[in-house]
C-alpha atoms as a PDB file:
ATOM      1  CA  MET A   1     102.414  82.233 101.305  1.00  0.00           C
ATOM      2  CA  VAL A   2     100.397  81.130 103.896  1.00  0.00           C
ATOM      3  CA  ASP A   3      96.638  80.655 103.045  1.00  0.00           C
ATOM      4  CA  PRO A   4      94.305  83.641 104.102  1.00  0.00           C
ATOM      5  CA  PRO A   5      91.775  83.151 106.375  1.00  0.00           C
ATOM      6  CA  GLU A   6      88.074  82.808 105.050  1.00  0.00           C
ATOM      7  CA  THR A   7      86.714  84.439 107.698  1.00  0.00           C
ATOM      8  CA  ILE A   8      88.116  87.066 110.705  1.00  0.00           C
ATOM      9  CA  THR A   9      86.509  88.221 113.816  1.00  0.00           C
ATOM     10  CA  ASP A  10      86.816  91.062 115.817  1.00  0.00           C
ATOM     11  CA  VAL A  11      86.678  92.088 119.296  1.00  0.00           C
ATOM     12  CA  ASP A  12      82.918  92.562 119.273  1.00  0.00           C
ATOM     13  CA  GLY A  13      82.464  89.082 118.072  1.00  0.00           C
ATOM     14  CA  ASN A  14      81.141  90.166 114.215  1.00  0.00           C
ATOM     15  CA  ILE A  15      82.811  87.741 111.467  1.00  0.00           C
ATOM     16  CA  TYR A  16      83.844  89.262 108.328  1.00  0.00           C
ATOM     17  CA  THR A  17      84.601  87.289 104.870  1.00  0.00           C
ATOM     18  CA  THR A  18      87.778  87.931 103.633  1.00  0.00           C
ATOM     19  CA  VAL A  19      89.207  88.077  99.844  1.00  0.00           C
ATOM     20  CA  MET A  20      92.686  88.055  98.405  1.00  0.00           C
ATOM     21  CA  ILE A  21      93.186  90.421  95.582  1.00  0.00           C
ATOM     22  CA  GLU A  22      96.761  89.295  94.252  1.00  0.00           C
ATOM     23  CA  ASP A  23      98.999  89.767  97.117  1.00  0.00           C
ATOM     24  CA  GLN A  24      96.623  91.465  99.405  1.00  0.00           C
ATOM     25  CA  CYS A  25      94.208  90.033 101.797  1.00  0.00           C
ATOM     26  CA  TRP A  26      91.425  92.321 102.580  1.00  0.00           C
ATOM     27  CA  MET A  27      88.049  92.325 104.715  1.00  0.00           C
ATOM     28  CA  ALA A  28      85.047  91.858 102.132  1.00  0.00           C
ATOM     29  CA  GLU A  29      83.085  93.453 104.187  1.00  0.00           C
ATOM     30  CA  ASN A  30      83.029  97.137 106.112  1.00  0.00           C
ATOM     31  CA  LEU A  31      83.682  97.372 109.854  1.00  0.00           C
ATOM     32  CA  LYS A  32      81.641  97.349 112.692  1.00  0.00           C
ATOM     33  CA  THR A  33      83.348  97.171 115.972  1.00  0.00           C
ATOM     34  CA  GLU A  34      82.405  99.364 118.863  1.00  0.00           C
ATOM     35  CA  ARG A  35      85.199  98.577 120.576  1.00  0.00           C
ATOM     36  CA  TYR A  36      89.255  99.574 119.837  1.00  0.00           C
ATOM     37  CA  ARG A  37      91.193  96.088 119.935  1.00  0.00           C
ATOM     38  CA  ASN A  38      91.955  95.929 123.796  1.00  0.00           C
ATOM     39  CA  GLY A  39      88.533  96.242 124.523  1.00  0.00           C
ATOM     40  CA  ASP A  40      87.780  99.997 125.335  1.00  0.00           C
ATOM     41  CA  THR A  41      84.393 101.534 123.719  1.00  0.00           C
ATOM     42  CA  ILE A  42      84.764 103.492 120.819  1.00  0.00           C
ATOM     43  CA  PRO A  43      81.677 106.204 121.487  1.00  0.00           C
ATOM     44  CA  THR A  44      78.460 106.018 119.200  1.00  0.00           C
ATOM     45  CA  GLY A  45      75.506 107.457 119.073  1.00  0.00           C
ATOM     46  CA  LEU A  46      76.940 111.037 119.414  1.00  0.00           C
ATOM     47  CA  SER A  47      74.827 114.273 118.530  1.00  0.00           C
ATOM     48  CA  ASN A  48      75.700 116.504 115.695  1.00  0.00           C
ATOM     49  CA  ALA A  49      76.942 118.826 117.966  1.00  0.00           C
ATOM     50  CA  ALA A  50      79.121 115.995 120.107  1.00  0.00           C
ATOM     51  CA  TRP A  51      80.193 114.607 116.410  1.00  0.00           C
ATOM     52  CA  GLU A  52      81.501 117.817 115.393  1.00  0.00           C
ATOM     53  CA  ALA A  53      83.192 119.186 118.318  1.00  0.00           C
ATOM     54  CA  THR A  54      85.090 115.596 119.105  1.00  0.00           C
ATOM     55  CA  THR A  55      88.813 115.141 118.738  1.00  0.00           C
ATOM     56  CA  SER A  56      88.779 111.589 119.690  1.00  0.00           C
ATOM     57  CA  GLY A  57      87.696 108.321 117.895  1.00  0.00           C
ATOM     58  CA  ALA A  58      84.131 108.091 117.100  1.00  0.00           C
ATOM     59  CA  ALA A  59      81.613 105.833 115.173  1.00  0.00           C
ATOM     60  CA  ALA A  60      78.155 106.193 113.879  1.00  0.00           C
ATOM     61  CA  VAL A  61      75.562 103.911 112.154  1.00  0.00           C
ATOM     62  CA  PHE A  62      74.294 105.896 109.054  1.00  0.00           C
ATOM     63  CA  ASP A  63      71.079 108.142 110.058  1.00  0.00           C
ATOM     64  CA  GLU A  64      70.920 106.541 113.250  1.00  0.00           C
ATOM     65  CA  ILE A  65      69.146 103.342 111.702  1.00  0.00           C
ATOM     66  CA  PRO A  66      70.449 100.334 113.749  1.00  0.00           C
ATOM     67  CA  ALA A  67      69.725  98.040 110.603  1.00  0.00           C
ATOM     68  CA  ASN A  68      72.189  99.883 108.891  1.00  0.00           C
ATOM     69  CA  LYS A  69      75.053  98.384 110.743  1.00  0.00           C
ATOM     70  CA  ALA A  70      74.287  94.664 109.836  1.00  0.00           C
ATOM     71  CA  THR A  71      74.364  95.670 106.093  1.00  0.00           C
ATOM     72  CA  TYR A  72      76.886  98.723 105.690  1.00  0.00           C
ATOM     73  CA  GLY A  73      78.935  98.517 108.935  1.00  0.00           C
ATOM     74  CA  LEU A  74      79.897 101.554 110.930  1.00  0.00           C
ATOM     75  CA  LEU A  75      81.237 104.907 110.089  1.00  0.00           C
ATOM     76  CA  TYR A  76      84.347 106.069 111.845  1.00  0.00           C
ATOM     77  CA  ASN A  77      86.119 109.441 112.082  1.00  0.00           C
ATOM     78  CA  TRP A  78      89.809 109.410 111.168  1.00  0.00           C
ATOM     79  CA  TYR A  79      90.537 109.983 115.051  1.00  0.00           C
ATOM     80  CA  ALA A  80      89.137 106.346 115.829  1.00  0.00           C
ATOM     81  CA  VAL A  81      91.166 105.160 112.355  1.00  0.00           C
ATOM     82  CA  ASN A  82      94.449 106.655 113.918  1.00  0.00           C
ATOM     83  CA  ASP A  83      93.887 105.584 117.841  1.00  0.00           C
ATOM     84  CA  VAL A  84      96.760 103.631 118.631  1.00  0.00           C
ATOM     85  CA  ARG A  85      94.490 100.994 120.353  1.00  0.00           C
ATOM     86  CA  GLY A  86      93.813  99.924 117.262  1.00  0.00           C
ATOM     87  CA  ILE A  87      90.140  99.082 115.226  1.00  0.00           C
ATOM     88  CA  CYS A  88      91.199  96.528 113.175  1.00  0.00           C
ATOM     89  CA  PRO A  89      91.369  92.963 114.639  1.00  0.00           C
ATOM     90  CA  ASP A  90      94.857  91.656 115.563  1.00  0.00           C
ATOM     91  CA  GLY A  91      97.075  90.889 112.628  1.00  0.00           C
ATOM     92  CA  TRP A  92      95.047  93.421 110.745  1.00  0.00           C
ATOM     93  CA  LYS A  93      95.555  96.930 110.149  1.00  0.00           C
ATOM     94  CA  VAL A  94      93.804  99.759 108.339  1.00  0.00           C
ATOM     95  CA  PRO A  95      95.657 100.349 104.756  1.00  0.00           C
ATOM     96  CA  SER A  96      97.772 103.368 104.097  1.00  0.00           C
ATOM     97  CA  GLU A  97      97.518 105.594 100.955  1.00  0.00           C
ATOM     98  CA  GLU A  98     100.343 103.275  99.564  1.00  0.00           C
ATOM     99  CA  GLU A  99      98.369 100.209 100.107  1.00  0.00           C
ATOM    100  CA  TRP A 100      95.208 101.598  98.546  1.00  0.00           C
ATOM    101  CA  LYS A 101      97.227 102.327  95.444  1.00  0.00           C
ATOM    102  CA  THR A 102      98.551  98.895  95.674  1.00  0.00           C
ATOM    103  CA  LEU A 103      94.967  97.919  95.382  1.00  0.00           C
ATOM    104  CA  THR A 104      93.778 100.295  92.393  1.00  0.00           C
ATOM    105  CA  ASP A 105      96.907  99.741  90.153  1.00  0.00           C
ATOM    106  CA  THR A 106      96.303  95.843  90.532  1.00  0.00           C
ATOM    107  CA  LEU A 107      92.331  96.373  89.512  1.00  0.00           C
ATOM    108  CA  GLY A 108      93.774  98.432  86.280  1.00  0.00           C
ATOM    109  CA  GLY A 109      94.092 101.907  87.764  1.00  0.00           C
ATOM    110  CA  THR A 110      92.035 104.969  89.503  1.00  0.00           C
ATOM    111  CA  GLY A 111      89.900 105.253  86.075  1.00  0.00           C
ATOM    112  CA  SER A 112      88.515 101.885  86.096  1.00  0.00           C
ATOM    113  CA  ALA A 113      89.000  99.995  88.893  1.00  0.00           C
ATOM    114  CA  GLY A 114      85.938 101.476  90.908  1.00  0.00           C
ATOM    115  CA  GLY A 115      83.438  98.843  88.376  1.00  0.00           C
ATOM    116  CA  ALA A 116      85.702  95.569  90.114  1.00  0.00           C
ATOM    117  CA  MET A 117      84.851  97.172  93.569  1.00  0.00           C
ATOM    118  CA  LYS A 118      81.637  97.867  93.495  1.00  0.00           C
ATOM    119  CA  THR A 119      78.835  95.590  93.991  1.00  0.00           C
ATOM    120  CA  THR A 120      76.457  95.028  91.080  1.00  0.00           C
ATOM    121  CA  GLY A 121      72.657  96.272  90.959  1.00  0.00           C
ATOM    122  CA  THR A 122      70.247  99.060  91.919  1.00  0.00           C
ATOM    123  CA  TYR A 123      67.754  99.625  94.429  1.00  0.00           C
ATOM    124  CA  VAL A 124      65.553 100.534  91.832  1.00  0.00           C
ATOM    125  CA  THR A 125      65.490  97.281  89.884  1.00  0.00           C
ATOM    126  CA  GLY A 126      65.448  95.367  93.281  1.00  0.00           C
ATOM    127  CA  THR A 127      68.854  93.608  92.750  1.00  0.00           C
ATOM    128  CA  GLY A 128      71.234  95.873  94.716  1.00  0.00           C
ATOM    129  CA  LEU A 129      72.254  98.730  96.872  1.00  0.00           C
ATOM    130  CA  TRP A 130      73.420 101.303  94.225  1.00  0.00           C
ATOM    131  CA  THR A 131      71.399 104.314  93.150  1.00  0.00           C
ATOM    132  CA  ASN A 132      70.863 103.871  89.238  1.00  0.00           C
ATOM    133  CA  PRO A 133      73.016 103.830  86.940  1.00  0.00           C
ATOM    134  CA  ASN A 134      75.351 101.840  89.084  1.00  0.00           C
ATOM    135  CA  PHE A 135      77.925 102.064  86.142  1.00  0.00           C
ATOM    136  CA  GLY A 136      80.287  99.452  85.099  1.00  0.00           C
ATOM    137  CA  ALA A 137      79.748  97.645  88.547  1.00  0.00           C
ATOM    138  CA  THR A 138      80.972  93.907  88.016  1.00  0.00           C
ATOM    139  CA  ASN A 139      82.750  92.948  91.581  1.00  0.00           C
ATOM    140  CA  SER A 140      85.123  90.903  89.634  1.00  0.00           C
ATOM    141  CA  SER A 141      87.636  91.624  92.242  1.00  0.00           C
ATOM    142  CA  GLY A 142      85.227  90.349  95.306  1.00  0.00           C
ATOM    143  CA  PHE A 143      85.792  93.792  97.683  1.00  0.00           C
ATOM    144  CA  SER A 144      82.194  94.117  97.233  1.00  0.00           C
ATOM    145  CA  GLY A 145      82.039  97.956  97.884  1.00  0.00           C
ATOM    146  CA  LEU A 146      78.438  99.408  99.441  1.00  0.00           C
ATOM    147  CA  PRO A 147      77.267 102.717  98.677  1.00  0.00           C
ATOM    148  CA  VAL A 148      76.677 104.014 102.617  1.00  0.00           C
ATOM    149  CA  GLY A 149      77.518 107.536 102.210  1.00  0.00           C
ATOM    150  CA  LEU A 150      79.310 109.288 104.958  1.00  0.00           C
ATOM    151  CA  ARG A 151      78.781 111.466 108.098  1.00  0.00           C
ATOM    152  CA  LEU A 152      79.771 115.323 107.520  1.00  0.00           C
ATOM    153  CA  PRO A 153      81.480 117.301 109.956  1.00  0.00           C
ATOM    154  CA  ASN A 154      78.627 118.757 111.257  1.00  0.00           C
ATOM    155  CA  GLY A 155      76.752 115.819 112.286  1.00  0.00           C
ATOM    156  CA  ASN A 156      74.410 115.339 109.071  1.00  0.00           C
ATOM    157  CA  PHE A 157      74.235 112.053 107.103  1.00  0.00           C
ATOM    158  CA  GLY A 158      74.404 112.120 103.510  1.00  0.00           C
ATOM    159  CA  SER A 159      75.418 110.442 100.005  1.00  0.00           C
ATOM    160  CA  PHE A 160      73.405 107.386 100.970  1.00  0.00           C
ATOM    161  CA  SER A 161      73.614 105.104  97.820  1.00  0.00           C
ATOM    162  CA  HIS A 162      75.405 107.083  95.821  1.00  0.00           C
ATOM    163  CA  TYR A 163      79.060 106.590  97.371  1.00  0.00           C
ATOM    164  CA  GLY A 164      81.161 104.088  99.267  1.00  0.00           C
ATOM    165  CA  ASN A 165      83.869 106.052 101.046  1.00  0.00           C
ATOM    166  CA  TRP A 166      86.955 104.437 103.141  1.00  0.00           C
ATOM    167  CA  TRP A 167      89.381 105.963 105.009  1.00  0.00           C
ATOM    168  CA  THR A 168      93.333 105.319 104.566  1.00  0.00           C
ATOM    169  CA  ALA A 169      95.647 105.483 107.484  1.00  0.00           C
ATOM    170  CA  THR A 170      97.871 108.532 106.007  1.00  0.00           C
ATOM    171  CA  GLU A 171      97.446 111.613 107.463  1.00  0.00           C
ATOM    172  CA  SER A 172      97.329 114.141 104.527  1.00  0.00           C
ATOM    173  CA  GLU A 173     100.855 116.046 103.925  1.00  0.00           C
ATOM    174  CA  PHE A 174      99.132 119.063 102.895  1.00  0.00           C
ATOM    175  CA  SER A 175      97.084 119.604 106.272  1.00  0.00           C
ATOM    176  CA  THR A 176      97.085 118.107 109.643  1.00  0.00           C
ATOM    177  CA  ASP A 177      93.723 118.653 109.224  1.00  0.00           C
ATOM    178  CA  ASN A 178      93.014 116.211 107.150  1.00  0.00           C
ATOM    179  CA  ALA A 179      93.679 112.502 106.141  1.00  0.00           C
ATOM    180  CA  TRP A 180      93.399 110.623 102.613  1.00  0.00           C
ATOM    181  CA  ARG A 181      90.325 108.787 101.592  1.00  0.00           C
ATOM    182  CA  ARG A 182      88.908 106.457  98.491  1.00  0.00           C
ATOM    183  CA  ALA A 183      85.548 106.617  97.326  1.00  0.00           C
ATOM    184  CA  LEU A 184      83.327 104.683  95.065  1.00  0.00           C
ATOM    185  CA  TYR A 185      80.148 106.350  92.935  1.00  0.00           C
ATOM    186  CA  HIS A 186      77.530 105.134  91.091  1.00  0.00           C
ATOM    187  CA  GLY A 187      77.985 106.989  88.049  1.00  0.00           C
ATOM    188  CA  ASP A 188      81.473 105.650  86.695  1.00  0.00           C
ATOM    189  CA  ARG A 189      84.251 103.414  87.354  1.00  0.00           C
ATOM    190  CA  THR A 190      86.473 105.682  89.035  1.00  0.00           C
ATOM    191  CA  VAL A 191      88.120 105.282  92.187  1.00  0.00           C
ATOM    192  CA  TYR A 192      87.958 108.848  93.941  1.00  0.00           C
ATOM    193  CA  ARG A 193      91.247 109.958  95.889  1.00  0.00           C
ATOM    194  CA  ASN A 194      91.352 112.796  97.990  1.00  0.00           C
ATOM    195  CA  HIS A 195      92.085 114.526 101.356  1.00  0.00           C
ATOM    196  CA  VAL A 196      89.313 115.372 103.697  1.00  0.00           C
ATOM    197  CA  LYS A 197      88.385 116.899 107.241  1.00  0.00           C
ATOM    198  CA  LYS A 198      89.295 114.091 109.978  1.00  0.00           C
ATOM    199  CA  GLU A 199      85.832 114.751 111.597  1.00  0.00           C
ATOM    200  CA  VAL A 200      84.281 113.340 108.662  1.00  0.00           C
ATOM    201  CA  GLY A 201      82.806 109.567 109.233  1.00  0.00           C
ATOM    202  CA  PHE A 202      83.687 107.134 106.705  1.00  0.00           C
ATOM    203  CA  SER A 203      83.462 103.433 106.364  1.00  0.00           C
ATOM    204  CA  VAL A 204      87.088 101.281 107.147  1.00  0.00           C
ATOM    205  CA  ARG A 205      88.058  98.081 105.535  1.00  0.00           C
ATOM    206  CA  CYS A 206      91.048  96.371 107.337  1.00  0.00           C
ATOM    207  CA  LEU A 207      94.082  94.672 105.563  1.00  0.00           C
ATOM    208  CA  LYS A 208      95.722  91.633 106.807  1.00  0.00           C
ATOM    209  CA  GLU A 209      99.638  92.525 108.185  1.00  0.00           C
END
């Protein structure tokens, strides 16, 4: 196997660290790009009404606070994830449902893998970004999951410091209005899996092809 890159750069010039987890090479940070791979702009700064109404790709900074982008990356609706222009750098992709399953299986299964994927510490103690308790967090995998929360279909923001959420590239087989996500929670070591509305804004991690 060719040695994975230690960093990867997106079309906007943002530089990300990477991590090998078994045979998969992941970005160890959330995606921040405001452009698709071909240079086209991903709309940002949408009002609540515009966010709720759009069926095209869009991105947002949590709570519209610019400083959050540097730490947490952007939140993308699934239309941006699924856009043929691509949001990951060349040679990288949004991981599928099966590729996320490979990750959690490697780390011991959905009941415990979350501990290995969460950054350690809490903001209450000044040692991290999660709310207390950040149960079972070791970040032993190097995935470095952060609790940025989400943007709801109505445009409101929520779950900051409590949940980290990431899109998969896989549409739900139960409803074409939904797609699959993974989530980490401050209160346990579970990796949650469920399908949600495509209008929701979640973080994105890219996987090397």
